[in-house]
């Protein structure tokens, strides 16, 4: 079960990292957003990643960190 948790957290982090803007970050819910395991992972996500604070997201099963948009 640990590889699945790591995969879900990695996917969630990849989708959300750097997308943070003022207010709630608009992030689409993932395929497994309603899975209790996903909720455990999101609840256990750290308050900071790479020095960026965690911010509120618009969808269940998601997490985001940061304070602005990064243009790639």
C-alpha atoms as a PDB file:
ATOM      1  CA  UNK A   1       0.000   0.000   0.000  1.00  0.00           C
ATOM      2  CA  UNK A   2       2.943   2.357   0.588  1.00  0.00           C
ATOM      3  CA  UNK A   3       3.859   2.592  -3.133  1.00  0.00           C
ATOM      4  CA  UNK A   4       0.268   3.633  -3.877  1.00  0.00           C
ATOM      5  CA  UNK A   5       0.394   6.335  -1.219  1.00  0.00           C
ATOM      6  CA  UNK A   6       3.692   7.606  -2.565  1.00  0.00           C
ATOM      7  CA  UNK A   7       2.294   7.679  -6.096  1.00  0.00           C
ATOM      8  CA  UNK A   8      -0.838   9.578  -5.038  1.00  0.00           C
ATOM      9  CA  UNK A   9       1.157  12.086  -3.007  1.00  0.00           C
ATOM     10  CA  UNK A  10       3.647  12.542  -5.822  1.00  0.00           C
ATOM     11  CA  UNK A  11       0.888  13.122  -8.367  1.00  0.00           C
ATOM     12  CA  UNK A  12      -0.954  15.535  -6.094  1.00  0.00           C
ATOM     13  CA  UNK A  13       2.218  17.426  -5.309  1.00  0.00           C
ATOM     14  CA  UNK A  14       3.224  17.590  -8.949  1.00  0.00           C
ATOM     15  CA  UNK A  15      -0.157  18.978  -9.962  1.00  0.00           C
ATOM     16  CA  UNK A  16      -0.342  21.525  -7.179  1.00  0.00           C
ATOM     17  CA  UNK A  17       3.237  22.643  -6.575  1.00  0.00           C
ATOM     18  CA  UNK A  18       3.806  26.056  -8.089  1.00  0.00           C
ATOM     19  CA  UNK A  19       0.132  26.609  -8.895  1.00  0.00           C
ATOM     20  CA  UNK A  20      -0.618  28.508  -5.705  1.00  0.00           C
ATOM     21  CA  UNK A  21      -2.120  31.962  -6.084  1.00  0.00           C
ATOM     22  CA  UNK A  22      -3.800  34.374  -3.699  1.00  0.00           C
ATOM     23  CA  UNK A  23      -6.824  32.753  -2.088  1.00  0.00           C
ATOM     24  CA  UNK A  24      -7.984  29.260  -2.909  1.00  0.00           C
ATOM     25  CA  UNK A  25      -5.945  27.391  -5.503  1.00  0.00           C
ATOM     26  CA  UNK A  26      -8.121  25.952  -8.271  1.00  0.00           C
ATOM     27  CA  UNK A  27      -7.046  22.311  -8.606  1.00  0.00           C
ATOM     28  CA  UNK A  28      -9.174  19.607 -10.242  1.00  0.00           C
ATOM     29  CA  UNK A  29      -9.946  16.634  -8.020  1.00  0.00           C
ATOM     30  CA  UNK A  30      -7.886  13.559  -8.749  1.00  0.00           C
ATOM     31  CA  UNK A  31      -9.280  10.221  -9.862  1.00  0.00           C
ATOM     32  CA  UNK A  32      -8.943   8.770  -6.341  1.00  0.00           C
ATOM     33  CA  UNK A  33     -10.032  11.907  -4.441  1.00  0.00           C
ATOM     34  CA  UNK A  34     -12.852  10.086  -2.636  1.00  0.00           C
ATOM     35  CA  UNK A  35     -10.602   7.180  -1.574  1.00  0.00           C
ATOM     36  CA  UNK A  36     -10.000   7.199   2.217  1.00  0.00           C
ATOM     37  CA  UNK A  37      -6.310   6.455   1.587  1.00  0.00           C
ATOM     38  CA  UNK A  38      -6.064   9.658  -0.446  1.00  0.00           C
ATOM     39  CA  UNK A  39      -7.614  11.616   2.424  1.00  0.00           C
ATOM     40  CA  UNK A  40      -5.031  10.146   4.824  1.00  0.00           C
ATOM     41  CA  UNK A  41      -2.226  11.274   2.533  1.00  0.00           C
ATOM     42  CA  UNK A  42      -3.567  14.798   2.088  1.00  0.00           C
ATOM     43  CA  UNK A  43      -4.153  15.192   5.827  1.00  0.00           C
ATOM     44  CA  UNK A  44      -0.592  14.036   6.502  1.00  0.00           C
ATOM     45  CA  UNK A  45       0.933  16.418   3.942  1.00  0.00           C
ATOM     46  CA  UNK A  46       3.468  18.791   5.498  1.00  0.00           C
ATOM     47  CA  UNK A  47       2.668  22.449   6.212  1.00  0.00           C
ATOM     48  CA  UNK A  48       5.724  23.473   4.166  1.00  0.00           C
ATOM     49  CA  UNK A  49       7.476  22.131   1.061  1.00  0.00           C
ATOM     50  CA  UNK A  50      10.744  23.663  -0.164  1.00  0.00           C
ATOM     51  CA  UNK A  51      10.120  26.662   2.096  1.00  0.00           C
ATOM     52  CA  UNK A  52       6.631  27.309   0.678  1.00  0.00           C
ATOM     53  CA  UNK A  53       3.584  27.334   2.957  1.00  0.00           C
ATOM     54  CA  UNK A  54       0.611  25.091   2.299  1.00  0.00           C
ATOM     55  CA  UNK A  55      -2.422  26.914   0.867  1.00  0.00           C
ATOM     56  CA  UNK A  56      -6.130  26.064   0.564  1.00  0.00           C
ATOM     57  CA  UNK A  57      -7.277  24.194  -2.555  1.00  0.00           C
ATOM     58  CA  UNK A  58     -10.659  24.003  -4.260  1.00  0.00           C
ATOM     59  CA  UNK A  59     -10.928  20.223  -4.506  1.00  0.00           C
ATOM     60  CA  UNK A  60     -11.008  17.222  -2.226  1.00  0.00           C
ATOM     61  CA  UNK A  61      -7.883  15.084  -2.260  1.00  0.00           C
ATOM     62  CA  UNK A  62      -5.505  17.878  -3.265  1.00  0.00           C
ATOM     63  CA  UNK A  63      -2.770  19.925  -1.643  1.00  0.00           C
ATOM     64  CA  UNK A  64      -0.752  22.927  -2.820  1.00  0.00           C
ATOM     65  CA  UNK A  65       2.130  24.995  -1.548  1.00  0.00           C
ATOM     66  CA  UNK A  66       3.369  28.418  -2.629  1.00  0.00           C
ATOM     67  CA  UNK A  67       2.454  32.062  -2.947  1.00  0.00           C
ATOM     68  CA  UNK A  68       2.148  32.957  -6.610  1.00  0.00           C
ATOM     69  CA  UNK A  69       2.288  31.664 -10.144  1.00  0.00           C
ATOM     70  CA  UNK A  70       5.427  30.489 -11.847  1.00  0.00           C
ATOM     71  CA  UNK A  71       5.614  30.866 -15.604  1.00  0.00           C
ATOM     72  CA  UNK A  72       7.383  28.016 -17.351  1.00  0.00           C
END
